[in-house]
Amino acid sequence: MLQKSPSYLQFLAVSKKTMKILVSMPKTLREESHTQGLRNMSPGPTELIILLIMAIFLFGAKRIPELARNLGRAKGEFHAGIADVTSPSPAEIDMDRGGVSDDVANENE
């Protein structure tokens, strides 16, 4: 038999009170109370400046342009790889035609 601890019972009592409060609120306030914390999570200008200063201290002013350049190259290689995967290869195009190459398909026409 499962025995409910006092802390679990207190949690249930608090959650029931919270549910009563939430149900009694108008719908707009309920939705706003859940999304308000998410709006405050985006970094502001002060946080971005602090992160920039920390990056300069960690990597040094000379290495930051090099890191940004390497990040750009990696992004370019990633997009090229995605383009290779999404575009069909000549072998796939031949297989779609039943294994007939482009030259043979033109001769038959």
PDB file of N, CA and C in Angstrom:
ATOM      1  N   MET A   1       0.843  -1.172   0.000  1.00  0.00           N
ATOM      2  CA  MET A   1       0.000   0.000   0.000  1.00  0.00           C
ATOM      3  C   MET A   1       0.893   1.241   0.000  1.00  0.00           C
ATOM      4  N   LEU A   2       0.544   2.218  -0.810  1.00  0.00           N
ATOM      5  CA  LEU A   2       1.326   3.438  -0.930  1.00  0.00           C
ATOM      6  C   LEU A   2       0.942   4.412   0.178  1.00  0.00           C
ATOM      7  N   GLN A   3       1.922   4.772   0.985  1.00  0.00           N
ATOM      8  CA  GLN A   3       1.663   5.752   2.042  1.00  0.00           C
ATOM      9  C   GLN A   3       2.064   7.127   1.524  1.00  0.00           C
ATOM     10  N   LYS A   4       1.206   8.069   1.691  1.00  0.00           N
ATOM     11  CA  LYS A   4       1.472   9.419   1.216  1.00  0.00           C
ATOM     12  C   LYS A   4       2.168  10.203   2.316  1.00  0.00           C
ATOM     13  N   SER A   5       3.292  10.742   1.972  1.00  0.00           N
ATOM     14  CA  SER A   5       4.062  11.501   2.955  1.00  0.00           C
ATOM     15  C   SER A   5       3.403  12.859   3.188  1.00  0.00           C
ATOM     16  N   PRO A   6       3.712  13.493   4.326  1.00  0.00           N
ATOM     17  CA  PRO A   6       3.128  14.814   4.608  1.00  0.00           C
ATOM     18  C   PRO A   6       3.510  15.853   3.559  1.00  0.00           C
ATOM     19  N   SER A   7       4.745  15.779   3.053  1.00  0.00           N
ATOM     20  CA  SER A   7       5.146  16.772   2.051  1.00  0.00           C
ATOM     21  C   SER A   7       4.347  16.595   0.758  1.00  0.00           C
ATOM     22  N   TYR A   8       4.045  15.330   0.387  1.00  0.00           N
ATOM     23  CA  TYR A   8       3.236  15.077  -0.790  1.00  0.00           C
ATOM     24  C   TYR A   8       1.826  15.627  -0.589  1.00  0.00           C
ATOM     25  N   LEU A   9       1.275  15.434   0.598  1.00  0.00           N
ATOM     26  CA  LEU A   9      -0.063  15.950   0.887  1.00  0.00           C
ATOM     27  C   LEU A   9      -0.065  17.469   0.883  1.00  0.00           C
ATOM     28  N   GLN A  10       1.005  18.075   1.392  1.00  0.00           N
ATOM     29  CA  GLN A  10       1.100  19.534   1.353  1.00  0.00           C
ATOM     30  C   GLN A  10       1.178  20.015  -0.095  1.00  0.00           C
ATOM     31  N   PHE A  11       1.932  19.280  -0.925  1.00  0.00           N
ATOM     32  CA  PHE A  11       2.040  19.631  -2.336  1.00  0.00           C
ATOM     33  C   PHE A  11       0.672  19.570  -3.003  1.00  0.00           C
ATOM     34  N   LEU A  12      -0.085  18.518  -2.704  1.00  0.00           N
ATOM     35  CA  LEU A  12      -1.423  18.400  -3.278  1.00  0.00           C
ATOM     36  C   LEU A  12      -2.316  19.549  -2.846  1.00  0.00           C
ATOM     37  N   ALA A  13      -2.222  19.927  -1.561  1.00  0.00           N
ATOM     38  CA  ALA A  13      -3.044  21.021  -1.053  1.00  0.00           C
ATOM     39  C   ALA A  13      -2.669  22.329  -1.747  1.00  0.00           C
ATOM     40  N   VAL A  14      -1.367  22.556  -1.903  1.00  0.00           N
ATOM     41  CA  VAL A  14      -0.920  23.786  -2.563  1.00  0.00           C
ATOM     42  C   VAL A  14      -1.319  23.772  -4.025  1.00  0.00           C
ATOM     43  N   SER A  15      -1.158  22.628  -4.697  1.00  0.00           N
ATOM     44  CA  SER A  15      -1.507  22.585  -6.109  1.00  0.00           C
ATOM     45  C   SER A  15      -3.017  22.758  -6.302  1.00  0.00           C
ATOM     46  N   LYS A  16      -3.846  22.246  -5.374  1.00  0.00           N
ATOM     47  CA  LYS A  16      -5.290  22.450  -5.479  1.00  0.00           C
ATOM     48  C   LYS A  16      -5.632  23.922  -5.308  1.00  0.00           C
ATOM     49  N   LYS A  17      -4.959  24.576  -4.359  1.00  0.00           N
ATOM     50  CA  LYS A  17      -5.182  26.015  -4.168  1.00  0.00           C
ATOM     51  C   LYS A  17      -4.761  26.779  -5.422  1.00  0.00           C
ATOM     52  N   THR A  18      -3.627  26.397  -5.978  1.00  0.00           N
ATOM     53  CA  THR A  18      -3.151  27.067  -7.187  1.00  0.00           C
ATOM     54  C   THR A  18      -4.122  26.870  -8.335  1.00  0.00           C
ATOM     55  N   MET A  19      -4.624  25.663  -8.490  1.00  0.00           N
ATOM     56  CA  MET A  19      -5.588  25.397  -9.553  1.00  0.00           C
ATOM     57  C   MET A  19      -6.857  26.213  -9.365  1.00  0.00           C
ATOM     58  N   LYS A  20      -7.313  26.356  -8.107  1.00  0.00           N
ATOM     59  CA  LYS A  20      -8.506  27.163  -7.853  1.00  0.00           C
ATOM     60  C   LYS A  20      -8.257  28.611  -8.251  1.00  0.00           C
ATOM     61  N   ILE A  21      -7.064  29.104  -7.934  1.00  0.00           N
ATOM     62  CA  ILE A  21      -6.728  30.486  -8.286  1.00  0.00           C
ATOM     63  C   ILE A  21      -6.657  30.643  -9.796  1.00  0.00           C
ATOM     64  N   LEU A  22      -6.005  29.690 -10.472  1.00  0.00           N
ATOM     65  CA  LEU A  22      -5.880  29.772 -11.921  1.00  0.00           C
ATOM     66  C   LEU A  22      -7.233  29.680 -12.614  1.00  0.00           C
ATOM     67  N   VAL A  23      -8.104  28.819 -12.117  1.00  0.00           N
ATOM     68  CA  VAL A  23      -9.427  28.670 -12.727  1.00  0.00           C
ATOM     69  C   VAL A  23     -10.259  29.926 -12.516  1.00  0.00           C
ATOM     70  N   SER A  24     -10.069  30.589 -11.374  1.00  0.00           N
ATOM     71  CA  SER A  24     -10.857  31.780 -11.107  1.00  0.00           C
ATOM     72  C   SER A  24     -10.377  32.990 -11.912  1.00  0.00           C
ATOM     73  N   MET A  25      -9.146  32.925 -12.444  1.00  0.00           N
ATOM     74  CA  MET A  25      -8.622  34.040 -13.247  1.00  0.00           C
ATOM     75  C   MET A  25      -9.290  34.071 -14.611  1.00  0.00           C
ATOM     76  N   PRO A  26      -9.389  35.263 -15.202  1.00  0.00           N
ATOM     77  CA  PRO A  26      -9.842  35.323 -16.591  1.00  0.00           C
ATOM     78  C   PRO A  26      -8.821  34.625 -17.496  1.00  0.00           C
ATOM     79  N   LYS A  27      -9.282  34.153 -18.643  1.00  0.00           N
ATOM     80  CA  LYS A  27      -8.427  33.363 -19.530  1.00  0.00           C
ATOM     81  C   LYS A  27      -7.200  34.157 -19.984  1.00  0.00           C
ATOM     82  N   THR A  28      -7.361  35.440 -20.253  1.00  0.00           N
ATOM     83  CA  THR A  28      -6.221  36.235 -20.712  1.00  0.00           C
ATOM     84  C   THR A  28      -5.136  36.321 -19.648  1.00  0.00           C
ATOM     85  N   LEU A  29      -5.519  36.433 -18.395  1.00  0.00           N
ATOM     86  CA  LEU A  29      -4.519  36.484 -17.330  1.00  0.00           C
ATOM     87  C   LEU A  29      -3.828  35.147 -17.147  1.00  0.00           C
ATOM     88  N   ARG A  30      -4.560  34.043 -17.302  1.00  0.00           N
ATOM     89  CA  ARG A  30      -3.956  32.714 -17.171  1.00  0.00           C
ATOM     90  C   ARG A  30      -2.901  32.502 -18.238  1.00  0.00           C
ATOM     91  N   GLU A  31      -3.225  32.833 -19.479  1.00  0.00           N
ATOM     92  CA  GLU A  31      -2.264  32.657 -20.561  1.00  0.00           C
ATOM     93  C   GLU A  31      -1.067  33.568 -20.370  1.00  0.00           C
ATOM     94  N   GLU A  32      -1.318  34.789 -19.908  1.00  0.00           N
ATOM     95  CA  GLU A  32      -0.235  35.746 -19.718  1.00  0.00           C
ATOM     96  C   GLU A  32       0.701  35.301 -18.606  1.00  0.00           C
ATOM     97  N   SER A  33       0.174  34.690 -17.556  1.00  0.00           N
ATOM     98  CA  SER A  33       1.022  34.285 -16.448  1.00  0.00           C
ATOM     99  C   SER A  33       1.978  33.172 -16.866  1.00  0.00           C
ATOM    100  N   HIS A  34       1.591  32.334 -17.837  1.00  0.00           N
ATOM    101  CA  HIS A  34       2.471  31.257 -18.284  1.00  0.00           C
ATOM    102  C   HIS A  34       3.523  31.756 -19.263  1.00  0.00           C
ATOM    103  N   THR A  35       3.188  32.740 -20.088  1.00  0.00           N
ATOM    104  CA  THR A  35       4.125  33.196 -21.111  1.00  0.00           C
ATOM    105  C   THR A  35       4.976  34.366 -20.661  1.00  0.00           C
ATOM    106  N   GLN A  36       4.661  34.975 -19.558  1.00  0.00           N
ATOM    107  CA  GLN A  36       5.398  36.158 -19.124  1.00  0.00           C
ATOM    108  C   GLN A  36       6.848  35.822 -18.817  1.00  0.00           C
ATOM    109  N   GLY A  37       7.111  34.671 -18.231  1.00  0.00           N
ATOM    110  CA  GLY A  37       8.474  34.286 -17.922  1.00  0.00           C
ATOM    111  C   GLY A  37       9.303  34.064 -19.174  1.00  0.00           C
ATOM    112  N   LEU A  38       8.682  33.605 -20.250  1.00  0.00           N
ATOM    113  CA  LEU A  38       9.415  33.374 -21.491  1.00  0.00           C
ATOM    114  C   LEU A  38       9.837  34.678 -22.136  1.00  0.00           C
ATOM    115  N   ARG A  39       9.025  35.695 -22.022  1.00  0.00           N
ATOM    116  CA  ARG A  39       9.384  36.986 -22.601  1.00  0.00           C
ATOM    117  C   ARG A  39      10.586  37.592 -21.896  1.00  0.00           C
ATOM    118  N   ASN A  40      10.735  37.322 -20.626  1.00  0.00           N
ATOM    119  CA  ASN A  40      11.844  37.894 -19.878  1.00  0.00           C
ATOM    120  C   ASN A  40      13.134  37.110 -20.054  1.00  0.00           C
ATOM    121  N   MET A  41      13.099  35.983 -20.767  1.00  0.00           N
ATOM    122  CA  MET A  41      14.282  35.149 -20.927  1.00  0.00           C
ATOM    123  C   MET A  41      15.212  35.626 -22.038  1.00  0.00           C
ATOM    124  N   SER A  42      14.768  36.487 -22.921  1.00  0.00           N
ATOM    125  CA  SER A  42      15.632  36.930 -24.002  1.00  0.00           C
ATOM    126  C   SER A  42      16.694  37.894 -23.459  1.00  0.00           C
ATOM    127  N   PRO A  43      17.946  37.754 -23.938  1.00  0.00           N
ATOM    128  CA  PRO A  43      19.010  38.620 -23.419  1.00  0.00           C
ATOM    129  C   PRO A  43      18.853  40.042 -23.929  1.00  0.00           C
ATOM    130  N   GLY A  44      19.045  40.973 -23.038  1.00  0.00           N
ATOM    131  CA  GLY A  44      18.977  42.374 -23.385  1.00  0.00           C
ATOM    132  C   GLY A  44      20.350  42.893 -23.778  1.00  0.00           C
ATOM    133  N   PRO A  45      20.452  44.182 -24.062  1.00  0.00           N
ATOM    134  CA  PRO A  45      21.736  44.746 -24.478  1.00  0.00           C
ATOM    135  C   PRO A  45      22.814  44.643 -23.396  1.00  0.00           C
ATOM    136  N   THR A  46      22.427  44.783 -22.145  1.00  0.00           N
ATOM    137  CA  THR A  46      23.414  44.695 -21.063  1.00  0.00           C
ATOM    138  C   THR A  46      24.009  43.293 -20.996  1.00  0.00           C
ATOM    139  N   GLU A  47      23.165  42.268 -21.101  1.00  0.00           N
ATOM    140  CA  GLU A  47      23.655  40.896 -21.056  1.00  0.00           C
ATOM    141  C   GLU A  47      24.560  40.595 -22.242  1.00  0.00           C
ATOM    142  N   LEU A  48      24.195  41.115 -23.430  1.00  0.00           N
ATOM    143  CA  LEU A  48      25.018  40.875 -24.610  1.00  0.00           C
ATOM    144  C   LEU A  48      26.383  41.540 -24.472  1.00  0.00           C
ATOM    145  N   ILE A  49      26.434  42.726 -23.903  1.00  0.00           N
ATOM    146  CA  ILE A  49      27.714  43.408 -23.683  1.00  0.00           C
ATOM    147  C   ILE A  49      28.568  42.621 -22.704  1.00  0.00           C
ATOM    148  N   ILE A  50      27.940  42.116 -21.645  1.00  0.00           N
ATOM    149  CA  ILE A  50      28.685  41.310 -20.667  1.00  0.00           C
ATOM    150  C   ILE A  50      29.239  40.047 -21.333  1.00  0.00           C
ATOM    151  N   LEU A  51      28.440  39.386 -22.169  1.00  0.00           N
ATOM    152  CA  LEU A  51      28.910  38.195 -22.880  1.00  0.00           C
ATOM    153  C   LEU A  51      30.053  38.522 -23.833  1.00  0.00           C
ATOM    154  N   LEU A  52      29.992  39.668 -24.496  1.00  0.00           N
ATOM    155  CA  LEU A  52      31.058  40.089 -25.403  1.00  0.00           C
ATOM    156  C   LEU A  52      32.354  40.328 -24.636  1.00  0.00           C
ATOM    157  N   ILE A  53      32.258  40.990 -23.505  1.00  0.00           N
ATOM    158  CA  ILE A  53      33.450  41.236 -22.679  1.00  0.00           C
ATOM    159  C   ILE A  53      34.032  39.920 -22.178  1.00  0.00           C
ATOM    160  N   MET A  54      33.172  38.996 -21.777  1.00  0.00           N
ATOM    161  CA  MET A  54      33.663  37.694 -21.318  1.00  0.00           C
ATOM    162  C   MET A  54      34.345  36.934 -22.454  1.00  0.00           C
ATOM    163  N   ALA A  55      33.820  37.032 -23.668  1.00  0.00           N
ATOM    164  CA  ALA A  55      34.434  36.368 -24.818  1.00  0.00           C
ATOM    165  C   ALA A  55      35.807  36.961 -25.105  1.00  0.00           C
ATOM    166  N   ILE A  56      35.942  38.277 -24.982  1.00  0.00           N
ATOM    167  CA  ILE A  56      37.242  38.912 -25.200  1.00  0.00           C
ATOM    168  C   ILE A  56      38.243  38.439 -24.154  1.00  0.00           C
ATOM    169  N   PHE A  57      37.807  38.333 -22.906  1.00  0.00           N
ATOM    170  CA  PHE A  57      38.709  37.851 -21.856  1.00  0.00           C
ATOM    171  C   PHE A  57      39.087  36.388 -22.065  1.00  0.00           C
ATOM    172  N   LEU A  58      38.129  35.567 -22.482  1.00  0.00           N
ATOM    173  CA  LEU A  58      38.402  34.143 -22.652  1.00  0.00           C
ATOM    174  C   LEU A  58      39.294  33.852 -23.857  1.00  0.00           C
ATOM    175  N   PHE A  59      38.993  34.447 -24.999  1.00  0.00           N
ATOM    176  CA  PHE A  59      39.677  34.086 -26.227  1.00  0.00           C
ATOM    177  C   PHE A  59      40.742  35.090 -26.645  1.00  0.00           C
ATOM    178  N   GLY A  60      40.651  36.317 -26.186  1.00  0.00           N
ATOM    179  CA  GLY A  60      41.592  37.344 -26.605  1.00  0.00           C
ATOM    180  C   GLY A  60      41.076  38.056 -27.833  1.00  0.00           C
ATOM    181  N   ALA A  61      41.441  39.304 -27.958  1.00  0.00           N
ATOM    182  CA  ALA A  61      40.936  40.136 -29.054  1.00  0.00           C
ATOM    183  C   ALA A  61      41.444  39.655 -30.407  1.00  0.00           C
ATOM    184  N   LYS A  62      42.623  39.035 -30.453  1.00  0.00           N
ATOM    185  CA  LYS A  62      43.174  38.581 -31.734  1.00  0.00           C
ATOM    186  C   LYS A  62      42.490  37.324 -32.243  1.00  0.00           C
ATOM    187  N   ARG A  63      42.005  36.472 -31.350  1.00  0.00           N
ATOM    188  CA  ARG A  63      41.424  35.197 -31.776  1.00  0.00           C
ATOM    189  C   ARG A  63      39.940  35.300 -32.126  1.00  0.00           C
ATOM    190  N   ILE A  64      39.255  36.330 -31.701  1.00  0.00           N
ATOM    191  CA  ILE A  64      37.816  36.439 -31.975  1.00  0.00           C
ATOM    192  C   ILE A  64      37.524  36.545 -33.477  1.00  0.00           C
ATOM    193  N   PRO A  65      38.246  37.383 -34.260  1.00  0.00           N
ATOM    194  CA  PRO A  65      37.982  37.387 -35.712  1.00  0.00           C
ATOM    195  C   PRO A  65      38.270  36.028 -36.361  1.00  0.00           C
ATOM    196  N   GLU A  66      39.313  35.350 -35.883  1.00  0.00           N
ATOM    197  CA  GLU A  66      39.630  34.024 -36.416  1.00  0.00           C
ATOM    198  C   GLU A  66      38.509  33.032 -36.107  1.00  0.00           C
ATOM    199  N   LEU A  67      37.972  33.082 -34.889  1.00  0.00           N
ATOM    200  CA  LEU A  67      36.864  32.199 -34.520  1.00  0.00           C
ATOM    201  C   LEU A  67      35.622  32.499 -35.356  1.00  0.00           C
ATOM    202  N   ALA A  68      35.353  33.786 -35.581  1.00  0.00           N
ATOM    203  CA  ALA A  68      34.180  34.162 -36.385  1.00  0.00           C
ATOM    204  C   ALA A  68      34.358  33.682 -37.832  1.00  0.00           C
ATOM    205  N   ARG A  69      35.579  33.814 -38.373  1.00  0.00           N
ATOM    206  CA  ARG A  69      35.856  33.364 -39.730  1.00  0.00           C
ATOM    207  C   ARG A  69      35.661  31.848 -39.846  1.00  0.00           C
ATOM    208  N   ASN A  70      36.180  31.120 -38.871  1.00  0.00           N
ATOM    209  CA  ASN A  70      36.020  29.658 -38.889  1.00  0.00           C
ATOM    210  C   ASN A  70      34.558  29.253 -38.735  1.00  0.00           C
ATOM    211  N   LEU A  71      33.813  30.004 -37.926  1.00  0.00           N
ATOM    212  CA  LEU A  71      32.390  29.729 -37.775  1.00  0.00           C
ATOM    213  C   LEU A  71      31.650  29.949 -39.088  1.00  0.00           C
ATOM    214  N   GLY A  72      32.007  31.006 -39.823  1.00  0.00           N
ATOM    215  CA  GLY A  72      31.402  31.270 -41.128  1.00  0.00           C
ATOM    216  C   GLY A  72      31.727  30.182 -42.132  1.00  0.00           C
ATOM    217  N   ARG A  73      32.989  29.717 -42.128  1.00  0.00           N
ATOM    218  CA  ARG A  73      33.364  28.630 -43.033  1.00  0.00           C
ATOM    219  C   ARG A  73      32.600  27.349 -42.701  1.00  0.00           C
ATOM    220  N   ALA A  74      32.487  27.058 -41.416  1.00  0.00           N
ATOM    221  CA  ALA A  74      31.756  25.857 -41.005  1.00  0.00           C
ATOM    222  C   ALA A  74      30.295  25.945 -41.435  1.00  0.00           C
ATOM    223  N   LYS A  75      29.714  27.135 -41.313  1.00  0.00           N
ATOM    224  CA  LYS A  75      28.321  27.318 -41.735  1.00  0.00           C
ATOM    225  C   LYS A  75      28.190  27.098 -43.241  1.00  0.00           C
ATOM    226  N   GLY A  76      29.154  27.625 -44.012  1.00  0.00           N
ATOM    227  CA  GLY A  76      29.135  27.430 -45.462  1.00  0.00           C
ATOM    228  C   GLY A  76      29.263  25.964 -45.843  1.00  0.00           C
ATOM    229  N   GLU A  77      30.171  25.240 -45.171  1.00  0.00           N
ATOM    230  CA  GLU A  77      30.328  23.816 -45.446  1.00  0.00           C
ATOM    231  C   GLU A  77      29.064  23.039 -45.070  1.00  0.00           C
ATOM    232  N   PHE A  78      28.437  23.436 -43.971  1.00  0.00           N
ATOM    233  CA  PHE A  78      27.200  22.779 -43.554  1.00  0.00           C
ATOM    234  C   PHE A  78      26.111  22.960 -44.604  1.00  0.00           C
ATOM    235  N   HIS A  79      25.953  24.201 -45.106  1.00  0.00           N
ATOM    236  CA  HIS A  79      24.924  24.450 -46.116  1.00  0.00           C
ATOM    237  C   HIS A  79      25.245  23.724 -47.425  1.00  0.00           C
ATOM    238  N   ALA A  80      26.530  23.622 -47.779  1.00  0.00           N
ATOM    239  CA  ALA A  80      26.905  22.882 -48.979  1.00  0.00           C
ATOM    240  C   ALA A  80      26.588  21.393 -48.800  1.00  0.00           C
ATOM    241  N   GLY A  81      26.841  20.870 -47.623  1.00  0.00           N
ATOM    242  CA  GLY A  81      26.517  19.474 -47.352  1.00  0.00           C
ATOM    243  C   GLY A  81      25.023  19.216 -47.410  1.00  0.00           C
ATOM    244  N   ILE A  82      24.247  20.143 -46.885  1.00  0.00           N
ATOM    245  CA  ILE A  82      22.782  20.008 -46.944  1.00  0.00           C
ATOM    246  C   ILE A  82      22.311  20.053 -48.396  1.00  0.00           C
ATOM    247  N   ALA A  83      22.914  20.925 -49.209  1.00  0.00           N
ATOM    248  CA  ALA A  83      22.525  21.011 -50.615  1.00  0.00           C
ATOM    249  C   ALA A  83      22.871  19.717 -51.345  1.00  0.00           C
ATOM    250  N   ASP A  84      24.031  19.097 -51.005  1.00  0.00           N
ATOM    251  CA  ASP A  84      24.402  17.833 -51.636  1.00  0.00           C
ATOM    252  C   ASP A  84      23.414  16.725 -51.296  1.00  0.00           C
ATOM    253  N   VAL A  85      22.958  16.718 -50.068  1.00  0.00           N
ATOM    254  CA  VAL A  85      22.046  15.663 -49.634  1.00  0.00           C
ATOM    255  C   VAL A  85      20.653  15.847 -50.229  1.00  0.00           C
ATOM    256  N   THR A  86      20.205  17.091 -50.330  1.00  0.00           N
ATOM    257  CA  THR A  86      18.836  17.331 -50.797  1.00  0.00           C
ATOM    258  C   THR A  86      18.708  17.276 -52.316  1.00  0.00           C
ATOM    259  N   SER A  87      19.785  17.613 -53.064  1.00  0.00           N
ATOM    260  CA  SER A  87      19.688  17.564 -54.523  1.00  0.00           C
ATOM    261  C   SER A  87      20.022  16.147 -55.002  1.00  0.00           C
ATOM    262  N   PRO A  88      19.294  15.651 -55.989  1.00  0.00           N
ATOM    263  CA  PRO A  88      19.541  14.278 -56.449  1.00  0.00           C
ATOM    264  C   PRO A  88      20.848  14.188 -57.242  1.00  0.00           C
ATOM    265  N   SER A  89      21.558  13.104 -57.061  1.00  0.00           N
ATOM    266  CA  SER A  89      22.807  12.878 -57.789  1.00  0.00           C
ATOM    267  C   SER A  89      22.483  12.366 -59.189  1.00  0.00           C
ATOM    268  N   PRO A  90      23.467  12.411 -60.120  1.00  0.00           N
ATOM    269  CA  PRO A  90      23.208  11.868 -61.470  1.00  0.00           C
ATOM    270  C   PRO A  90      22.821  10.387 -61.449  1.00  0.00           C
ATOM    271  N   ALA A  91      23.383   9.634 -60.523  1.00  0.00           N
ATOM    272  CA  ALA A  91      23.021   8.208 -60.435  1.00  0.00           C
ATOM    273  C   ALA A  91      21.553   8.052 -60.030  1.00  0.00           C
ATOM    274  N   GLU A  92      21.088   8.891 -59.125  1.00  0.00           N
ATOM    275  CA  GLU A  92      19.673   8.817 -58.715  1.00  0.00           C
ATOM    276  C   GLU A  92      18.749   9.193 -59.870  1.00  0.00           C
ATOM    277  N   ILE A  93      19.158  10.178 -60.655  1.00  0.00           N
ATOM    278  CA  ILE A  93      18.338  10.590 -61.806  1.00  0.00           C
ATOM    279  C   ILE A  93      18.265   9.448 -62.817  1.00  0.00           C
ATOM    280  N   ASP A  94      19.429   8.786 -63.045  1.00  0.00           N
ATOM    281  CA  ASP A  94      19.430   7.629 -63.950  1.00  0.00           C
ATOM    282  C   ASP A  94      18.529   6.521 -63.437  1.00  0.00           C
ATOM    283  N   MET A  95      18.553   6.254 -62.144  1.00  0.00           N
ATOM    284  CA  MET A  95      17.715   5.203 -61.565  1.00  0.00           C
ATOM    285  C   MET A  95      16.235   5.546 -61.686  1.00  0.00           C
ATOM    286  N   ASP A  96      15.906   6.832 -61.626  1.00  0.00           N
ATOM    287  CA  ASP A  96      14.508   7.238 -61.800  1.00  0.00           C
ATOM    288  C   ASP A  96      14.028   6.978 -63.219  1.00  0.00           C
ATOM    289  N   ARG A  97      14.964   7.010 -64.182  1.00  0.00           N
ATOM    290  CA  ARG A  97      14.616   6.725 -65.583  1.00  0.00           C
ATOM    291  C   ARG A  97      14.656   5.233 -65.877  1.00  0.00           C
ATOM    292  N   GLY A  98      14.855   4.421 -64.897  1.00  0.00           N
ATOM    293  CA  GLY A  98      14.905   2.977 -65.098  1.00  0.00           C
ATOM    294  C   GLY A  98      16.313   2.480 -65.362  1.00  0.00           C
ATOM    295  N   GLY A  99      17.324   3.201 -64.966  1.00  0.00           N
ATOM    296  CA  GLY A  99      18.711   2.780 -65.155  1.00  0.00           C
ATOM    297  C   GLY A  99      19.290   3.198 -66.485  1.00  0.00           C
ATOM    298  N   VAL A 100      18.573   4.028 -67.214  1.00  0.00           N
ATOM    299  CA  VAL A 100      19.032   4.478 -68.526  1.00  0.00           C
ATOM    300  C   VAL A 100      19.715   5.826 -68.345  1.00  0.00           C
ATOM    301  N   SER A 101      20.942   5.938 -68.886  1.00  0.00           N
ATOM    302  CA  SER A 101      21.665   7.205 -68.752  1.00  0.00           C
ATOM    303  C   SER A 101      21.067   8.258 -69.681  1.00  0.00           C
ATOM    304  N   ASP A 102      21.521   9.483 -69.534  1.00  0.00           N
ATOM    305  CA  ASP A 102      20.997  10.594 -70.313  1.00  0.00           C
ATOM    306  C   ASP A 102      21.300  10.412 -71.806  1.00  0.00           C
ATOM    307  N   ASP A 103      22.496   9.924 -72.131  1.00  0.00           N
ATOM    308  CA  ASP A 103      22.879   9.731 -73.524  1.00  0.00           C
ATOM    309  C   ASP A 103      21.988   8.687 -74.208  1.00  0.00           C
ATOM    310  N   VAL A 104      21.758   7.575 -73.530  1.00  0.00           N
ATOM    311  CA  VAL A 104      20.936   6.508 -74.093  1.00  0.00           C
ATOM    312  C   VAL A 104      19.478   6.968 -74.207  1.00  0.00           C
ATOM    313  N   ALA A 105      19.003   7.747 -73.230  1.00  0.00           N
ATOM    314  CA  ALA A 105      17.631   8.238 -73.281  1.00  0.00           C
ATOM    315  C   ALA A 105      17.437   9.178 -74.463  1.00  0.00           C
ATOM    316  N   ASN A 106      18.466   9.983 -74.804  1.00  0.00           N
ATOM    317  CA  ASN A 106      18.379  10.901 -75.950  1.00  0.00           C
ATOM    318  C   ASN A 106      18.426  10.141 -77.274  1.00  0.00           C
ATOM    319  N   GLU A 107      19.169   9.008 -77.338  1.00  0.00           N
ATOM    320  CA  GLU A 107      19.238   8.219 -78.556  1.00  0.00           C
ATOM    321  C   GLU A 107      17.910   7.556 -78.866  1.00  0.00           C
ATOM    322  N   ASN A 108      17.181   7.158 -77.843  1.00  0.00           N
ATOM    323  CA  ASN A 108      15.910   6.457 -78.046  1.00  0.00           C
ATOM    324  C   ASN A 108      14.801   7.398 -78.490  1.00  0.00           C
ATOM    325  N   GLU A 109      14.976   8.680 -78.324  1.00  0.00           N
ATOM    326  CA  GLU A 109      13.908   9.624 -78.702  1.00  0.00           C
ATOM    327  C   GLU A 109      13.930   9.933 -80.117  1.00  0.00           C
TER     328      GLU A 109
END
